[in-house]
Amino acid sequence: MKRLILTLVLGVATLGLTPARAQAQFGYGVVQAQRVAQRQVISWYQAYLGRLPNVQELNILSNLLLTGNNALYVQSLILSSNEFFIKSGNNPLGFLNRLFVVTLGRQVTMQERALLFPQLNLNGRLWFTQAYLAQTQGGWANAALQAAAWGYPVTVVPAVWW
């Protein structure tokens, strides 16, 4: 009888000491950072392409921001896209002009066009846009600091300017 009572007491005590069932927890900070990244991508799409991104574009570009890619790199992907090029008149001079309008709020001058047009033709839109943004926005290091302030992981990618 003593054994039976001892077994029952130890069994109940053991069940009482068992920790609660483990549940996966998704941190609030991760969700918040994802929302901030998605809002940033949406604002770039509206500013540069005049439309909202589709689900695939939003997921890809916001994930690029969240995985440590530079904000200027993500912007350059949008600005060097075929869609932006077509909306710019489907020619390099229109592309240069529209790039200046959406980023600096002014049209390209003749001197700037003469300097930048050969670089655009020689290196392509993506390289040119990355180098252009690096110069006009204070460089990759500044963009990395800005991204860190927004809470994104940061990888500094240096750009080479002519």
C-alpha atoms as a PDB file:
ATOM      1  CA  MET A   1       0.000   0.000   0.000  1.00  0.00           C
ATOM      2  CA  LYS A   2       2.830   2.377   0.834  1.00  0.00           C
ATOM      3  CA  ARG A   3       4.370   1.658  -2.575  1.00  0.00           C
ATOM      4  CA  LEU A   4       1.111   2.428  -4.361  1.00  0.00           C
ATOM      5  CA  ILE A   5       0.714   5.761  -2.547  1.00  0.00           C
ATOM      6  CA  LEU A   6       4.358   6.654  -3.105  1.00  0.00           C
ATOM      7  CA  THR A   7       4.055   5.826  -6.814  1.00  0.00           C
ATOM      8  CA  LEU A   8       0.921   7.962  -7.134  1.00  0.00           C
ATOM      9  CA  VAL A   9       2.515  10.885  -5.284  1.00  0.00           C
ATOM     10  CA  LEU A  10       5.663  10.736  -7.378  1.00  0.00           C
ATOM     11  CA  GLY A  11       3.617  10.413 -10.571  1.00  0.00           C
ATOM     12  CA  VAL A  12       1.493  13.468  -9.756  1.00  0.00           C
ATOM     13  CA  ALA A  13       4.572  15.429  -8.676  1.00  0.00           C
ATOM     14  CA  THR A  14       6.313  14.512 -11.914  1.00  0.00           C
ATOM     15  CA  LEU A  15       3.352  15.626 -14.010  1.00  0.00           C
ATOM     16  CA  GLY A  16       3.185  18.871 -12.079  1.00  0.00           C
ATOM     17  CA  LEU A  17       6.839  19.593 -12.791  1.00  0.00           C
ATOM     18  CA  THR A  18       6.577  18.873 -16.511  1.00  0.00           C
ATOM     19  CA  PRO A  19       7.085  22.082 -18.499  1.00  0.00           C
ATOM     20  CA  ALA A  20       4.322  23.383 -20.730  1.00  0.00           C
ATOM     21  CA  ARG A  21       4.276  22.319 -24.357  1.00  0.00           C
ATOM     22  CA  ALA A  22       6.836  24.193 -26.422  1.00  0.00           C
ATOM     23  CA  GLN A  23       5.441  26.493 -29.095  1.00  0.00           C
ATOM     24  CA  ALA A  24       7.300  28.217 -31.860  1.00  0.00           C
ATOM     25  CA  GLN A  25       7.330  31.931 -31.372  1.00  0.00           C
ATOM     26  CA  PHE A  26       7.732  34.401 -34.183  1.00  0.00           C
ATOM     27  CA  GLY A  27       9.311  37.574 -32.878  1.00  0.00           C
ATOM     28  CA  TYR A  28       7.542  40.877 -33.287  1.00  0.00           C
ATOM     29  CA  GLY A  29      10.739  42.524 -34.490  1.00  0.00           C
ATOM     30  CA  VAL A  30      11.013  40.227 -37.509  1.00  0.00           C
ATOM     31  CA  VAL A  31       7.430  40.926 -38.558  1.00  0.00           C
ATOM     32  CA  GLN A  32       7.927  44.656 -38.062  1.00  0.00           C
ATOM     33  CA  ALA A  33      11.146  44.680 -40.125  1.00  0.00           C
ATOM     34  CA  GLN A  34       9.388  42.794 -42.918  1.00  0.00           C
ATOM     35  CA  ARG A  35       6.550  45.329 -42.958  1.00  0.00           C
ATOM     36  CA  VAL A  36       9.000  48.224 -43.060  1.00  0.00           C
ATOM     37  CA  ALA A  37      10.884  46.610 -45.949  1.00  0.00           C
ATOM     38  CA  GLN A  38       7.653  45.987 -47.850  1.00  0.00           C
ATOM     39  CA  ARG A  39       6.523  49.589 -47.320  1.00  0.00           C
ATOM     40  CA  GLN A  40       9.888  50.800 -48.606  1.00  0.00           C
ATOM     41  CA  VAL A  41       9.666  48.655 -51.752  1.00  0.00           C
ATOM     42  CA  ILE A  42       6.080  49.812 -52.352  1.00  0.00           C
ATOM     43  CA  SER A  43       7.129  53.462 -52.069  1.00  0.00           C
ATOM     44  CA  TRP A  44       9.969  52.937 -54.584  1.00  0.00           C
ATOM     45  CA  TYR A  45       7.627  51.239 -57.048  1.00  0.00           C
ATOM     46  CA  GLN A  46       5.131  54.072 -56.777  1.00  0.00           C
ATOM     47  CA  ALA A  47       7.806  56.742 -57.121  1.00  0.00           C
ATOM     48  CA  TYR A  48       9.771  55.142 -59.962  1.00  0.00           C
ATOM     49  CA  LEU A  49       7.252  53.063 -61.914  1.00  0.00           C
ATOM     50  CA  GLY A  50       3.968  54.698 -60.938  1.00  0.00           C
ATOM     51  CA  ARG A  51       2.356  51.461 -59.788  1.00  0.00           C
ATOM     52  CA  LEU A  52       2.231  48.974 -56.939  1.00  0.00           C
ATOM     53  CA  PRO A  53       4.497  45.912 -57.081  1.00  0.00           C
ATOM     54  CA  ASN A  54       2.880  42.536 -57.606  1.00  0.00           C
ATOM     55  CA  VAL A  55       3.210  39.913 -54.861  1.00  0.00           C
ATOM     56  CA  GLN A  56       6.278  38.269 -56.409  1.00  0.00           C
ATOM     57  CA  GLU A  57       8.129  41.570 -56.900  1.00  0.00           C
ATOM     58  CA  LEU A  58       7.255  42.691 -53.368  1.00  0.00           C
ATOM     59  CA  ASN A  59       8.449  39.443 -51.799  1.00  0.00           C
ATOM     60  CA  ILE A  60      11.687  39.254 -53.785  1.00  0.00           C
ATOM     61  CA  LEU A  61      12.775  42.851 -53.231  1.00  0.00           C
ATOM     62  CA  SER A  62      11.732  43.078 -49.578  1.00  0.00           C
ATOM     63  CA  ASN A  63      13.588  39.815 -48.909  1.00  0.00           C
ATOM     64  CA  LEU A  64      16.660  41.291 -50.593  1.00  0.00           C
ATOM     65  CA  LEU A  65      16.499  44.184 -48.136  1.00  0.00           C
ATOM     66  CA  LEU A  66      15.999  41.872 -45.175  1.00  0.00           C
ATOM     67  CA  THR A  67      18.899  39.580 -46.095  1.00  0.00           C
ATOM     68  CA  GLY A  68      21.522  42.290 -46.009  1.00  0.00           C
ATOM     69  CA  ASN A  69      21.482  43.732 -49.507  1.00  0.00           C
ATOM     70  CA  ASN A  70      22.037  47.446 -49.760  1.00  0.00           C
ATOM     71  CA  ALA A  71      18.988  49.698 -50.231  1.00  0.00           C
ATOM     72  CA  LEU A  72      20.710  51.355 -53.202  1.00  0.00           C
ATOM     73  CA  TYR A  73      21.126  47.959 -54.843  1.00  0.00           C
ATOM     74  CA  VAL A  74      17.416  47.243 -54.516  1.00  0.00           C
ATOM     75  CA  GLN A  75      16.576  50.683 -55.884  1.00  0.00           C
ATOM     76  CA  SER A  76      18.943  50.156 -58.792  1.00  0.00           C
ATOM     77  CA  LEU A  77      17.129  46.938 -59.691  1.00  0.00           C
ATOM     78  CA  ILE A  78      13.901  48.901 -60.067  1.00  0.00           C
ATOM     79  CA  LEU A  79      15.475  51.865 -61.853  1.00  0.00           C
ATOM     80  CA  SER A  80      17.414  49.730 -64.342  1.00  0.00           C
ATOM     81  CA  SER A  81      14.436  47.494 -65.133  1.00  0.00           C
ATOM     82  CA  ASN A  82      13.046  47.080 -68.623  1.00  0.00           C
ATOM     83  CA  GLU A  83       9.786  48.625 -67.439  1.00  0.00           C
ATOM     84  CA  PHE A  84      11.528  51.822 -66.310  1.00  0.00           C
ATOM     85  CA  PHE A  85      13.493  51.915 -69.569  1.00  0.00           C
ATOM     86  CA  ILE A  86      10.319  51.530 -71.662  1.00  0.00           C
ATOM     87  CA  LYS A  87       8.528  54.222 -69.639  1.00  0.00           C
ATOM     88  CA  SER A  88      11.525  56.455 -70.329  1.00  0.00           C
ATOM     89  CA  GLY A  89      10.917  56.345 -74.064  1.00  0.00           C
ATOM     90  CA  ASN A  90      12.779  53.111 -74.766  1.00  0.00           C
ATOM     91  CA  ASN A  91      16.055  54.904 -75.496  1.00  0.00           C
ATOM     92  CA  PRO A  92      19.182  55.702 -73.468  1.00  0.00           C
ATOM     93  CA  LEU A  93      18.762  59.490 -73.546  1.00  0.00           C
ATOM     94  CA  GLY A  94      15.195  59.240 -72.286  1.00  0.00           C
ATOM     95  CA  PHE A  95      16.408  56.818 -69.610  1.00  0.00           C
ATOM     96  CA  LEU A  96      19.068  59.299 -68.448  1.00  0.00           C
ATOM     97  CA  ASN A  97      16.571  62.144 -68.368  1.00  0.00           C
ATOM     98  CA  ARG A  98      13.928  60.187 -66.446  1.00  0.00           C
ATOM     99  CA  LEU A  99      16.545  58.867 -64.017  1.00  0.00           C
ATOM    100  CA  PHE A 100      17.496  62.461 -63.195  1.00  0.00           C
ATOM    101  CA  VAL A 101      13.855  63.544 -62.897  1.00  0.00           C
ATOM    102  CA  VAL A 102      12.800  60.797 -60.474  1.00  0.00           C
ATOM    103  CA  THR A 103      15.950  60.931 -58.327  1.00  0.00           C
ATOM    104  CA  LEU A 104      17.041  64.573 -58.413  1.00  0.00           C
ATOM    105  CA  GLY A 105      13.844  66.335 -59.519  1.00  0.00           C
ATOM    106  CA  ARG A 106      15.450  67.963 -62.546  1.00  0.00           C
ATOM    107  CA  GLN A 107      16.356  67.148 -66.114  1.00  0.00           C
ATOM    108  CA  VAL A 108      19.832  66.157 -67.188  1.00  0.00           C
ATOM    109  CA  THR A 109      21.996  68.990 -68.599  1.00  0.00           C
ATOM    110  CA  MET A 110      23.824  68.762 -71.906  1.00  0.00           C
ATOM    111  CA  GLN A 111      27.201  68.452 -70.158  1.00  0.00           C
ATOM    112  CA  GLU A 112      25.934  65.659 -67.911  1.00  0.00           C
ATOM    113  CA  ARG A 113      24.383  63.900 -70.877  1.00  0.00           C
ATOM    114  CA  ALA A 114      27.658  64.109 -72.809  1.00  0.00           C
ATOM    115  CA  LEU A 115      29.567  62.686 -69.829  1.00  0.00           C
ATOM    116  CA  LEU A 116      27.096  59.989 -68.772  1.00  0.00           C
ATOM    117  CA  PHE A 117      25.769  58.692 -72.088  1.00  0.00           C
ATOM    118  CA  PRO A 118      28.988  56.826 -73.059  1.00  0.00           C
ATOM    119  CA  GLN A 119      29.164  55.256 -69.578  1.00  0.00           C
ATOM    120  CA  LEU A 120      25.582  54.067 -69.846  1.00  0.00           C
ATOM    121  CA  ASN A 121      26.195  52.521 -73.267  1.00  0.00           C
ATOM    122  CA  LEU A 122      29.508  50.973 -72.281  1.00  0.00           C
ATOM    123  CA  ASN A 123      28.530  49.456 -68.916  1.00  0.00           C
ATOM    124  CA  GLY A 124      24.788  48.833 -69.169  1.00  0.00           C
ATOM    125  CA  ARG A 125      21.826  50.091 -67.183  1.00  0.00           C
ATOM    126  CA  LEU A 126      22.308  48.115 -63.963  1.00  0.00           C
ATOM    127  CA  TRP A 127      25.956  49.049 -63.451  1.00  0.00           C
ATOM    128  CA  PHE A 128      25.265  52.643 -64.464  1.00  0.00           C
ATOM    129  CA  THR A 129      22.291  52.962 -62.123  1.00  0.00           C
ATOM    130  CA  GLN A 130      24.252  51.511 -59.196  1.00  0.00           C
ATOM    131  CA  ALA A 131      27.137  53.913 -59.762  1.00  0.00           C
ATOM    132  CA  TYR A 132      24.774  56.840 -60.317  1.00  0.00           C
ATOM    133  CA  LEU A 133      22.833  56.180 -57.103  1.00  0.00           C
ATOM    134  CA  ALA A 134      26.038  55.694 -55.143  1.00  0.00           C
ATOM    135  CA  GLN A 135      27.168  59.164 -56.183  1.00  0.00           C
ATOM    136  CA  THR A 136      23.870  61.019 -55.877  1.00  0.00           C
ATOM    137  CA  GLN A 137      22.734  59.447 -52.596  1.00  0.00           C
ATOM    138  CA  GLY A 138      25.973  59.831 -50.676  1.00  0.00           C
ATOM    139  CA  GLY A 139      27.544  56.500 -51.508  1.00  0.00           C
ATOM    140  CA  TRP A 140      27.088  52.875 -50.492  1.00  0.00           C
ATOM    141  CA  ALA A 141      28.375  53.435 -46.967  1.00  0.00           C
ATOM    142  CA  ASN A 142      25.727  56.111 -46.362  1.00  0.00           C
ATOM    143  CA  ALA A 143      23.038  53.767 -47.695  1.00  0.00           C
ATOM    144  CA  ALA A 144      24.318  51.037 -45.385  1.00  0.00           C
ATOM    145  CA  LEU A 145      24.051  53.382 -42.389  1.00  0.00           C
ATOM    146  CA  GLN A 146      20.541  54.331 -43.436  1.00  0.00           C
ATOM    147  CA  ALA A 147      19.563  50.678 -43.813  1.00  0.00           C
ATOM    148  CA  ALA A 148      21.024  49.882 -40.397  1.00  0.00           C
ATOM    149  CA  ALA A 149      18.975  52.729 -38.917  1.00  0.00           C
ATOM    150  CA  TRP A 150      15.858  51.171 -40.489  1.00  0.00           C
ATOM    151  CA  GLY A 151      16.780  47.866 -38.842  1.00  0.00           C
ATOM    152  CA  TYR A 152      17.882  45.907 -41.909  1.00  0.00           C
ATOM    153  CA  PRO A 153      20.941  43.655 -41.893  1.00  0.00           C
ATOM    154  CA  VAL A 154      23.680  45.456 -43.784  1.00  0.00           C
ATOM    155  CA  THR A 155      26.227  44.368 -46.365  1.00  0.00           C
ATOM    156  CA  VAL A 156      28.298  47.179 -47.850  1.00  0.00           C
ATOM    157  CA  VAL A 157      28.892  46.659 -51.566  1.00  0.00           C
ATOM    158  CA  PRO A 158      31.381  49.131 -52.994  1.00  0.00           C
ATOM    159  CA  ALA A 159      30.638  50.720 -56.342  1.00  0.00           C
ATOM    160  CA  VAL A 160      33.185  51.865 -58.881  1.00  0.00           C
ATOM    161  CA  TRP A 161      32.492  55.256 -60.439  1.00  0.00           C
ATOM    162  CA  TRP A 162      34.225  56.373 -63.597  1.00  0.00           C
END
